[in-house]
Amino acid sequence: MAWFIAVGIALAALNLRTAVTSVGTVMDEVSAGLGMSAAATGLLTTLPVLCFAIFGALTPALSRRVGEHALLLGAIVLLGAGQAVRAVVDSAVPFLAASAVALAGGAVGNVVIPALIKRHFPRRGGAMTTVYSTALAVGTMVAAAATVPVQQAAGGNWHVALGVWAALAAVAVIPWLALARRSEPERRSTHARAGRAALLRSRLAWAVAGYFGSQSLIAYVMFGWLPLLLRDNGYTSGQAAVILAVFTGLGIPISLAVPPLATRLRDQRPLVAAFVVLYAVGFAGLLSGHALWASSMAVAVGMGSFPLALSMLALRTRSGAATAALSAFGQSTGYLIAGAGPITFGLLHQVSGGWALPFGLLFAAVAVQLVTGWYAGGERTLEDEGRAVPAGPDPEAAERAADGADHAADHAEGAGGGGHASHGVSGPVAGHPALGIRDLVAGRHRTSDERGRRSDGLPAAGPRQGRRTARAGRRRGSRSR
């Protein structure tokens, strides 16, 4: 069943950006064919980030109501239906409405898939995040590269060029239909709900949102303005298109490399710093007008911050419920931040008549990325903050959960398990809301160095021994009372 879910995630990820990048390549033809005003065209280009922010924020509540499998199935249906409808309409308003439907499906998928990875692949999160981010990059690039050839093959008909992507969504529906019929009912958390109000008070949640938003802002600006910058520096339209194609294509190998590397590291701040340096070097080169090809590639590699941001959604949480909450908050807030980027960059370029002032916005985004990424990349989880996840059940329930955790730990150790705490606990109690109470009872809220030694210099007791000793002490105390 695991491989079937992995295939379903990959197919769903292929579709998450097709509704965005397919339109961009035929925007002039769509605008002219539908008689869209400049305001309507501007709304169409802004619609993706608005939908990603709004519908992404609503996803955790929908997930608790209908379950993750059914919700992702519905998201793919919306993607396909929206793209099919907008391929047959002939006026601006229905086209915008159908686009919003398709983008709403993409927004829900953005949030649900990281939670599904955390739930179904707690010990293979890095590998599955690689599958997810790579499929996302492939779908983004293929939709951008293939839409115009499809249009030309259809005799210049942009309706066909946009409608063909609904067929890809129809393929992605198949495994989730099967999973909805065969899988067990969705597990719904009633204790580990990281509410939005609690996340608003979480420094880690804001750091993840800031990191996601700053890298998305840079990405949207570069995709929208890099060709014009290159043409202003003497490149032809064809040469600029080639550089943009390579710039986009580099996202695929980067998406293959970054998530497993991030998962192997206990602390992701070295990766944060490396991408910041690449951004700074690349932007300095683009601003100077020298070595534009090399500078563009440096920025392209620096955009490995996107798969890193996706990896952080799982690495900074222990349970699927917390991953979904952090994913919704980080992505919805991040896309709101990113949505202002291209417009602000364009206004600064128009006001100044040059590139120095708008590039100041990019350098500011890099600074924000360094600060937020440095905090988000540290070895901590959302549950550790206490405020982000409500307290678990009563003490007796917590003790029963601790007993279950012992069995899971025995099984994991017997199989050569272990792993880092931020990757979750394997076994049937992975991500249980009582784990925070269990850790407090067992005295495990100590640093890794403290866990490895006692004050007398002798090796510390193992986690199972510590938990059993703590429970034995509580039982003796109960008898004495």
Protein backbone atom coordinates (compact mmCIF):
# COMPACT_ATOMS: atom_id res chain seq x y z
CA MET A 1 0.00 0.00 0.00
CA ALA A 2 2.88 2.38 0.73
CA TRP A 3 4.15 2.32 -2.85
CA PHE A 4 0.61 3.00 -4.11
CA ILE A 5 0.34 6.06 -1.87
CA ALA A 6 3.77 7.21 -3.08
CA VAL A 7 2.61 6.95 -6.71
CA GLY A 8 -0.54 8.88 -5.83
CA ILE A 9 1.47 11.65 -4.18
CA ALA A 10 3.79 11.92 -7.18
CA LEU A 11 0.90 12.12 -9.65
CA ALA A 12 -0.90 14.70 -7.52
CA ALA A 13 2.27 16.81 -7.25
CA LEU A 14 2.67 16.82 -11.03
CA ASN A 15 -0.63 18.70 -11.23
CA LEU A 16 -0.23 21.32 -8.51
CA ARG A 17 1.29 24.03 -10.75
CA THR A 18 -0.06 23.19 -14.21
CA ALA A 19 -2.95 25.64 -13.79
CA VAL A 20 -0.41 28.42 -13.12
CA THR A 21 2.42 27.90 -15.58
CA SER A 22 0.32 26.79 -18.55
CA VAL A 23 -1.53 30.13 -18.64
CA GLY A 24 1.60 32.24 -18.37
CA THR A 25 3.00 31.01 -21.68
CA VAL A 26 -0.17 31.94 -23.64
CA MET A 27 -1.20 34.97 -21.60
CA ASP A 28 -1.29 37.36 -24.58
CA GLU A 29 -3.50 35.03 -26.60
CA VAL A 30 -5.84 34.43 -23.66
CA SER A 31 -6.14 38.14 -22.88
CA ALA A 32 -6.85 39.01 -26.50
CA GLY A 33 -9.25 36.11 -27.05
CA LEU A 34 -11.32 36.89 -23.97
CA GLY A 35 -11.13 40.67 -24.31
CA MET A 36 -9.63 41.01 -20.84
CA SER A 37 -8.86 44.46 -19.51
CA ALA A 38 -5.53 45.30 -17.95
CA ALA A 39 -7.14 44.99 -14.50
CA ALA A 40 -8.51 41.54 -15.30
CA THR A 41 -5.14 40.42 -16.64
CA GLY A 42 -3.47 41.68 -13.47
CA LEU A 43 -6.02 39.79 -11.38
CA LEU A 44 -5.29 36.61 -13.33
CA THR A 45 -1.55 36.89 -12.63
CA THR A 46 -2.20 37.58 -8.92
CA LEU A 47 -4.87 34.89 -8.52
CA PRO A 48 -2.44 32.01 -7.80
CA VAL A 49 -0.90 33.53 -4.68
CA LEU A 50 -4.31 34.74 -3.44
CA CYS A 51 -5.85 31.28 -3.84
CA PHE A 52 -2.83 29.55 -2.33
CA ALA A 53 -3.06 31.83 0.70
CA ILE A 54 -6.83 31.74 1.25
CA PHE A 55 -7.63 28.11 0.50
CA GLY A 56 -4.39 26.88 2.05
CA ALA A 57 -5.44 28.43 5.35
CA LEU A 58 -8.80 26.60 5.22
CA THR A 59 -7.28 23.19 4.48
CA PRO A 60 -6.61 21.91 8.05
CA ALA A 61 -10.26 22.40 9.05
CA LEU A 62 -11.41 20.65 5.87
CA SER A 63 -8.94 17.83 6.51
CA ARG A 64 -10.33 17.21 10.00
CA ARG A 65 -13.85 17.12 8.58
CA VAL A 66 -13.44 14.82 5.56
CA GLY A 67 -10.00 13.21 6.02
CA GLU A 68 -6.76 13.71 4.12
CA HIS A 69 -7.29 11.07 1.42
CA ALA A 70 -10.75 12.30 0.48
CA LEU A 71 -9.61 15.92 0.61
CA LEU A 72 -6.70 15.33 -1.76
CA LEU A 73 -9.02 13.45 -4.10
CA GLY A 74 -11.36 16.44 -4.07
CA ALA A 75 -8.44 18.80 -4.68
CA ILE A 76 -7.37 16.90 -7.80
CA VAL A 77 -10.97 16.87 -9.05
CA LEU A 78 -11.11 20.65 -8.61
CA LEU A 79 -7.84 21.03 -10.49
CA GLY A 80 -9.09 19.00 -13.41
CA ALA A 81 -12.58 20.48 -13.49
CA GLY A 82 -11.34 24.06 -13.31
CA GLN A 83 -8.87 23.56 -16.13
CA ALA A 84 -11.46 21.77 -18.28
CA VAL A 85 -14.07 24.48 -17.81
CA ARG A 86 -11.77 27.39 -18.55
CA ALA A 87 -10.72 25.67 -21.79
CA VAL A 88 -14.25 25.97 -23.19
CA VAL A 89 -15.40 29.42 -21.99
CA ASP A 90 -15.25 32.53 -24.14
CA SER A 91 -15.50 35.39 -21.64
CA ALA A 92 -13.27 36.75 -18.90
CA VAL A 93 -15.43 36.28 -15.80
CA PRO A 94 -16.10 32.52 -16.24
CA PHE A 95 -12.43 32.04 -17.13
CA LEU A 96 -11.32 33.75 -13.90
CA ALA A 97 -13.86 31.76 -11.87
CA ALA A 98 -12.74 28.45 -13.38
CA SER A 99 -9.11 29.42 -12.77
CA ALA A 100 -9.94 30.11 -9.12
CA VAL A 101 -11.51 26.63 -8.83
CA ALA A 102 -8.41 24.97 -10.29
CA LEU A 103 -6.07 27.03 -8.12
CA ALA A 104 -8.11 26.20 -5.02
CA GLY A 105 -7.42 22.54 -5.72
CA GLY A 106 -3.71 23.30 -6.03
CA ALA A 107 -3.78 25.23 -2.75
CA VAL A 108 -5.35 22.31 -0.88
CA GLY A 109 -2.84 19.90 -2.38
CA ASN A 110 0.03 22.15 -1.28
CA VAL A 111 -1.01 21.70 2.35
CA VAL A 112 -2.33 18.13 2.38
CA ILE A 113 0.59 16.37 0.71
CA PRO A 114 3.24 17.28 3.36
CA ALA A 115 0.85 15.99 6.04
CA LEU A 116 0.29 12.76 4.11
CA ILE A 117 4.04 12.27 3.82
CA LYS A 118 4.45 12.78 7.56
CA ARG A 119 1.63 10.37 8.30
CA HIS A 120 2.41 7.52 5.91
CA PHE A 121 6.22 7.81 5.70
CA PRO A 122 7.41 8.97 9.14
CA ARG A 123 10.83 7.32 8.71
CA ARG A 124 11.20 8.00 4.97
CA GLY A 125 10.14 11.62 4.99
CA GLY A 126 13.29 12.80 3.21
CA ALA A 127 12.87 10.36 0.33
CA MET A 128 9.18 11.15 -0.09
CA THR A 129 9.76 14.90 0.10
CA THR A 130 12.27 14.38 -2.71
CA VAL A 131 9.60 12.58 -4.74
CA TYR A 132 7.10 15.33 -3.98
CA SER A 133 9.31 18.34 -4.72
CA THR A 134 10.78 16.73 -7.85
CA ALA A 135 7.36 15.86 -9.26
CA LEU A 136 6.25 19.41 -8.46
CA ALA A 137 9.24 20.83 -10.36
CA VAL A 138 8.69 18.50 -13.31
CA GLY A 139 5.01 19.42 -13.56
CA THR A 140 5.86 23.12 -13.37
CA MET A 141 8.46 22.91 -16.11
CA VAL A 142 6.53 20.59 -18.44
CA ALA A 143 3.39 22.73 -18.32
CA ALA A 144 5.42 25.84 -19.10
CA ALA A 145 7.41 24.19 -21.89
CA ALA A 146 4.70 22.12 -23.59
CA THR A 147 1.71 24.47 -23.67
CA VAL A 148 2.92 26.52 -26.65
CA PRO A 149 3.85 23.45 -28.76
CA VAL A 150 0.41 21.98 -28.02
CA GLN A 151 -1.17 25.27 -29.08
CA GLN A 152 0.79 25.26 -32.32
CA ALA A 153 -0.14 21.64 -33.00
CA ALA A 154 -3.80 22.57 -32.45
CA GLY A 155 -3.62 25.30 -35.08
CA GLY A 156 -3.09 28.14 -32.62
CA ASN A 157 -6.05 27.17 -30.41
CA TRP A 158 -5.16 28.14 -26.85
CA HIS A 159 -8.33 26.46 -25.52
CA VAL A 160 -6.89 23.07 -26.44
CA ALA A 161 -3.46 24.00 -25.07
CA LEU A 162 -4.97 24.77 -21.65
CA GLY A 163 -7.54 21.99 -21.61
CA VAL A 164 -5.03 19.18 -22.18
CA TRP A 165 -3.78 19.55 -18.59
CA ALA A 166 -7.17 18.45 -17.28
CA ALA A 167 -6.33 15.00 -18.69
CA LEU A 168 -3.26 14.81 -16.47
CA ALA A 169 -5.45 15.57 -13.46
CA ALA A 170 -7.81 12.77 -14.52
CA VAL A 171 -4.91 10.33 -14.40
CA ALA A 172 -3.90 11.56 -10.93
CA VAL A 173 -7.44 10.89 -9.63
CA ILE A 174 -7.19 7.13 -10.24
CA PRO A 175 -4.99 6.06 -7.29
CA TRP A 176 -6.87 8.27 -4.84
CA LEU A 177 -10.20 6.83 -5.93
CA ALA A 178 -8.80 3.39 -5.18
CA LEU A 179 -7.37 4.54 -1.84
CA ALA A 180 -10.65 6.11 -0.82
CA ARG A 181 -12.39 2.77 -1.41
CA ARG A 182 -9.77 0.45 0.10
CA SER A 183 -7.96 2.33 2.82
CA GLU A 184 -8.95 2.48 6.45
CA PRO A 185 -10.96 5.48 7.64
CA GLU A 186 -8.94 8.65 8.07
CA ARG A 187 -7.48 9.22 11.50
CA ARG A 188 -8.74 12.49 12.89
CA SER A 189 -6.92 14.21 15.67
CA THR A 190 -9.00 15.69 18.47
CA HIS A 191 -6.06 16.59 20.72
CA ALA A 192 -3.15 17.57 18.46
CA ARG A 193 -4.78 20.46 16.66
CA ALA A 194 -2.39 23.34 16.32
CA GLY A 195 -4.95 26.10 16.00
CA ARG A 196 -4.22 29.20 14.00
CA ALA A 197 -4.46 31.38 17.11
CA ALA A 198 -1.77 29.26 18.78
CA LEU A 199 0.41 29.38 15.66
CA LEU A 200 0.16 33.17 15.65
CA ARG A 201 2.03 33.07 18.98
CA SER A 202 4.62 30.57 17.77
CA ARG A 203 8.05 31.94 16.85
CA LEU A 204 8.85 28.79 14.91
CA ALA A 205 5.64 29.03 12.87
CA TRP A 206 6.42 32.65 11.98
CA ALA A 207 10.00 31.75 11.12
CA VAL A 208 8.83 29.00 8.75
CA ALA A 209 6.26 31.37 7.22
CA GLY A 210 8.90 34.08 6.78
CA TYR A 211 11.32 31.67 5.19
CA PHE A 212 8.67 30.27 2.86
CA GLY A 213 7.43 33.75 1.98
CA SER A 214 10.85 35.25 1.29
CA GLN A 215 11.92 32.43 -1.01
CA SER A 216 8.56 32.51 -2.82
CA LEU A 217 8.85 36.27 -3.30
CA ILE A 218 12.27 35.84 -4.89
CA ALA A 219 11.00 33.03 -7.13
CA TYR A 220 7.98 34.97 -8.41
CA VAL A 221 10.11 38.06 -9.09
CA MET A 222 12.75 36.08 -10.96
CA PHE A 223 10.28 34.15 -13.10
CA GLY A 224 8.49 37.36 -14.00
CA TRP A 225 11.35 39.83 -14.44
CA LEU A 226 14.51 37.88 -15.35
CA PRO A 227 13.78 37.88 -19.13
CA LEU A 228 13.32 41.68 -19.18
CA LEU A 229 16.50 42.19 -17.16
CA LEU A 230 18.44 40.04 -19.62
CA ARG A 231 17.02 41.90 -22.63
CA ASP A 232 17.93 45.23 -21.05
CA ASN A 233 21.51 43.98 -20.89
CA GLY A 234 21.69 43.09 -24.60
CA TYR A 235 20.32 39.56 -24.75
CA THR A 236 17.83 38.68 -27.47
CA SER A 237 14.40 37.32 -26.63
CA GLY A 238 15.52 33.85 -27.75
CA GLN A 239 18.64 33.93 -25.59
CA ALA A 240 16.63 35.14 -22.59
CA ALA A 241 14.14 32.30 -23.14
CA VAL A 242 16.95 29.74 -23.18
CA ILE A 243 18.39 31.06 -19.92
CA LEU A 244 14.93 31.05 -18.32
CA ALA A 245 14.37 27.45 -19.48
CA VAL A 246 17.67 26.31 -17.95
CA PHE A 247 16.91 28.40 -14.86
CA THR A 248 13.59 26.56 -14.44
CA GLY A 249 14.99 23.14 -15.36
CA LEU A 250 17.65 23.29 -12.65
CA GLY A 251 14.82 22.98 -10.14
CA ILE A 252 14.55 19.27 -10.93
CA PRO A 253 18.05 18.08 -9.91
CA ILE A 254 18.02 20.52 -7.00
CA SER A 255 14.72 19.05 -5.79
CA LEU A 256 16.31 15.61 -5.98
CA ALA A 257 19.32 16.62 -3.89
CA VAL A 258 18.07 19.00 -1.18
CA PRO A 259 15.39 17.04 0.77
CA PRO A 260 17.51 13.93 1.52
CA LEU A 261 20.43 16.15 2.48
CA ALA A 262 18.22 18.23 4.77
CA THR A 263 16.85 15.07 6.39
CA ARG A 264 20.33 13.73 7.14
CA LEU A 265 21.30 16.95 8.92
CA ARG A 266 20.16 17.48 12.48
CA ASP A 267 20.48 21.23 11.87
CA GLN A 268 19.56 22.70 8.48
CA ARG A 269 21.18 26.10 9.04
CA PRO A 270 24.26 25.31 6.92
CA LEU A 271 21.93 24.82 3.95
CA VAL A 272 20.12 28.06 4.77
CA ALA A 273 23.42 29.94 4.81
CA ALA A 274 24.65 28.33 1.58
CA PHE A 275 21.51 29.32 -0.34
CA VAL A 276 21.68 32.87 1.04
CA VAL A 277 25.28 33.20 -0.20
CA LEU A 278 24.27 31.94 -3.64
CA TYR A 279 21.42 34.44 -3.78
CA ALA A 280 23.66 37.31 -2.75
CA VAL A 281 26.37 36.44 -5.28
CA GLY A 282 23.83 35.91 -8.05
CA PHE A 283 21.94 39.14 -7.41
CA ALA A 284 25.16 41.12 -7.24
CA GLY A 285 26.18 39.70 -10.62
CA LEU A 286 22.81 40.41 -12.22
CA LEU A 287 22.82 43.98 -10.88
CA SER A 288 26.33 44.62 -12.18
CA GLY A 289 25.41 43.42 -15.67
CA HIS A 290 28.41 41.08 -15.88
CA ALA A 291 28.44 37.29 -16.16
CA LEU A 292 24.66 37.26 -16.39
CA TRP A 293 24.48 33.59 -17.36
CA ALA A 294 26.59 32.46 -14.40
CA SER A 295 24.76 34.86 -12.06
CA SER A 296 21.40 33.50 -13.19
CA MET A 297 22.55 29.94 -12.50
CA ALA A 298 23.76 30.94 -9.02
CA VAL A 299 20.29 32.27 -8.24
CA ALA A 300 18.73 29.11 -9.72
CA VAL A 301 20.77 26.91 -7.37
CA GLY A 302 19.95 29.26 -4.50
CA MET A 303 16.30 28.52 -5.17
CA GLY A 304 16.97 25.16 -3.56
CA SER A 305 15.51 27.07 -0.61
CA PHE A 306 12.08 25.97 -1.90
CA PRO A 307 12.55 22.19 -1.42
CA LEU A 308 14.31 23.05 1.85
CA ALA A 309 11.23 25.00 2.98
CA LEU A 310 9.03 22.02 2.07
CA SER A 311 11.32 19.72 4.06
CA MET A 312 11.12 21.98 7.11
CA LEU A 313 7.34 21.50 7.29
CA ALA A 314 7.93 17.86 8.28
CA LEU A 315 11.26 18.26 10.07
CA ARG A 316 9.89 20.87 12.46
CA THR A 317 6.91 18.75 13.58
CA ARG A 318 6.32 15.32 15.10
CA SER A 319 2.78 14.49 14.01
CA GLY A 320 0.77 14.65 10.82
CA ALA A 321 -1.74 17.03 12.42
CA ALA A 322 1.01 19.48 13.39
CA THR A 323 2.56 19.16 9.92
CA ALA A 324 -0.77 20.06 8.32
CA ALA A 325 -1.24 23.03 10.63
CA LEU A 326 2.30 24.33 10.06
CA SER A 327 2.01 23.70 6.33
CA ALA A 328 -1.24 25.68 6.14
CA PHE A 329 0.07 28.56 8.22
CA GLY A 330 3.50 28.71 6.62
CA GLN A 331 2.29 28.45 3.04
CA SER A 332 -0.78 30.70 3.31
CA THR A 333 1.14 33.42 5.13
CA GLY A 334 4.16 32.94 2.89
CA TYR A 335 2.14 33.28 -0.30
CA LEU A 336 0.55 36.48 1.00
CA ILE A 337 4.07 37.85 1.48
CA ALA A 338 5.18 36.61 -1.94
CA GLY A 339 2.15 38.05 -3.73
CA ALA A 340 3.35 41.60 -3.14
CA GLY A 341 6.82 40.87 -4.54
CA PRO A 342 6.41 41.12 -8.34
CA ILE A 343 4.12 44.17 -8.10
CA THR A 344 6.45 46.02 -5.73
CA PHE A 345 9.49 45.09 -7.82
CA GLY A 346 7.78 46.44 -10.95
CA LEU A 347 6.74 49.68 -9.26
CA LEU A 348 10.28 50.26 -7.97
CA HIS A 349 11.65 49.64 -11.46
CA GLN A 350 9.13 52.05 -12.98
CA VAL A 351 9.75 54.79 -10.43
CA SER A 352 13.55 54.57 -10.52
CA GLY A 353 13.96 53.74 -14.20
CA GLY A 354 16.72 51.29 -13.33
CA TRP A 355 17.45 48.08 -11.47
CA ALA A 356 19.30 49.20 -8.34
CA LEU A 357 16.21 50.12 -6.31
CA PRO A 358 14.16 47.00 -7.15
CA PHE A 359 17.17 44.79 -6.42
CA GLY A 360 17.20 46.38 -2.98
CA LEU A 361 13.90 44.56 -2.43
CA LEU A 362 15.57 41.25 -3.36
CA PHE A 363 18.51 41.83 -1.04
CA ALA A 364 16.04 42.66 1.75
CA ALA A 365 14.23 39.38 1.05
CA VAL A 366 17.55 37.54 1.27
CA ALA A 367 18.21 39.16 4.66
CA VAL A 368 14.77 38.07 5.87
CA GLN A 369 15.46 34.58 4.57
CA LEU A 370 18.71 34.39 6.54
CA VAL A 371 17.10 35.52 9.81
CA THR A 372 13.97 33.38 9.57
CA GLY A 373 15.79 30.40 8.09
CA TRP A 374 18.40 30.49 10.85
CA TYR A 375 15.68 30.06 13.45
CA ALA A 376 13.54 27.64 11.44
CA GLY A 377 16.57 25.52 10.53
CA GLY A 378 17.54 24.91 14.15
CA GLU A 379 16.95 21.60 15.90
CA ARG A 380 13.50 22.18 17.39
CA THR A 381 9.89 21.19 16.73
CA LEU A 382 6.57 22.98 16.89
CA GLU A 383 5.39 20.76 19.72
CA ASP A 384 8.40 21.76 21.86
CA GLU A 385 7.09 25.30 22.12
CA GLY A 386 4.09 24.05 24.12
CA ARG A 387 1.78 26.81 22.91
CA ALA A 388 1.49 25.46 19.38
CA VAL A 389 -0.05 22.10 20.34
CA PRO A 390 -2.67 21.78 23.12
CA ALA A 391 -1.97 19.61 26.11
CA GLY A 392 -2.61 15.93 25.81
CA PRO A 393 -5.20 13.83 27.60
CA ASP A 394 -5.40 13.00 31.30
CA PRO A 395 -2.40 11.42 33.11
CA GLU A 396 -3.79 7.88 32.94
CA ALA A 397 -4.24 8.19 29.20
CA ALA A 398 -0.76 9.63 28.96
CA GLU A 399 0.67 6.66 30.83
CA ARG A 400 -1.13 4.23 28.53
CA ALA A 401 0.31 6.11 25.58
CA ALA A 402 3.75 5.89 27.16
CA ASP A 403 3.37 2.14 27.50
CA GLY A 404 2.50 1.98 23.82
CA ALA A 405 5.50 4.14 23.02
CA ASP A 406 7.75 1.68 24.88
CA HIS A 407 6.53 -1.15 22.67
CA ALA A 408 7.11 0.96 19.57
CA ALA A 409 10.60 1.88 20.80
CA ASP A 410 11.39 -1.77 21.50
CA HIS A 411 10.32 -2.67 17.98
CA ALA A 412 12.32 0.17 16.42
CA GLU A 413 15.48 -0.64 18.39
CA GLY A 414 15.19 -4.30 17.58
CA ALA A 415 15.06 -3.42 13.89
CA GLY A 416 18.05 -1.09 14.13
CA GLY A 417 15.72 1.94 14.37
CA GLY A 418 16.13 5.14 16.26
CA GLY A 419 16.57 8.30 14.29
CA HIS A 420 16.22 11.89 15.11
CA ALA A 421 13.37 13.08 17.28
CA SER A 422 12.10 15.55 14.75
CA HIS A 423 11.41 12.71 12.34
CA GLY A 424 8.69 11.29 14.57
CA VAL A 425 8.27 7.97 16.38
CA SER A 426 7.77 4.87 14.30
CA GLY A 427 5.03 2.42 15.06
CA PRO A 428 1.32 2.71 15.77
CA VAL A 429 1.63 5.64 18.19
CA ALA A 430 3.69 7.87 15.91
CA GLY A 431 2.77 11.49 16.42
CA HIS A 432 0.38 10.79 19.36
CA PRO A 433 -0.55 14.00 21.22
CA ALA A 434 0.38 12.42 24.55
CA LEU A 435 4.04 12.20 23.56
CA GLY A 436 4.71 15.67 24.95
CA ILE A 437 3.41 14.59 28.38
CA ARG A 438 5.34 11.34 28.12
CA ASP A 439 8.54 13.26 27.47
CA LEU A 440 7.94 15.53 30.46
CA VAL A 441 7.21 12.54 32.73
CA ALA A 442 10.36 10.81 31.58
CA GLY A 443 12.47 13.92 32.02
CA ARG A 444 13.44 14.03 28.37
CA HIS A 445 13.28 17.79 27.84
CA ARG A 446 17.05 18.07 28.09
CA THR A 447 19.69 18.80 25.55
CA SER A 448 21.27 15.98 23.61
CA ASP A 449 24.52 16.42 25.58
CA GLU A 450 22.67 16.16 28.89
CA ARG A 451 20.90 13.03 27.74
CA GLY A 452 24.24 11.37 27.12
CA ARG A 453 25.69 11.77 30.65
CA ARG A 454 24.78 12.11 34.34
CA SER A 455 26.15 14.57 36.82
CA ASP A 456 28.46 11.90 38.24
CA GLY A 457 30.00 11.32 34.81
CA LEU A 458 28.44 7.89 34.32
CA PRO A 459 26.38 7.05 31.25
CA ALA A 460 22.75 8.06 31.54
CA ALA A 461 19.99 5.50 31.68
CA GLY A 462 18.38 4.68 28.37
CA PRO A 463 15.04 6.23 27.48
CA ARG A 464 13.05 3.06 28.13
CA GLN A 465 14.66 2.55 31.52
CA GLY A 466 14.02 6.19 32.41
CA ARG A 467 10.37 5.99 31.46
CA ARG A 468 9.81 2.73 33.34
CA THR A 469 11.58 4.09 36.45
CA ALA A 470 9.44 7.22 36.35
CA ARG A 471 6.21 5.23 36.10
CA ALA A 472 7.30 2.88 38.87
CA GLY A 473 7.97 5.89 41.08
CA ARG A 474 4.52 7.30 40.40
CA ARG A 475 2.88 3.97 41.25
CA ARG A 476 4.85 3.72 44.53
CA GLY A 477 3.81 7.27 45.36
CA SER A 478 0.16 6.42 44.69
CA ARG A 479 0.36 3.39 47.03
CA SER A 480 2.02 5.42 49.80
CA ARG A 481 -0.77 8.01 49.58
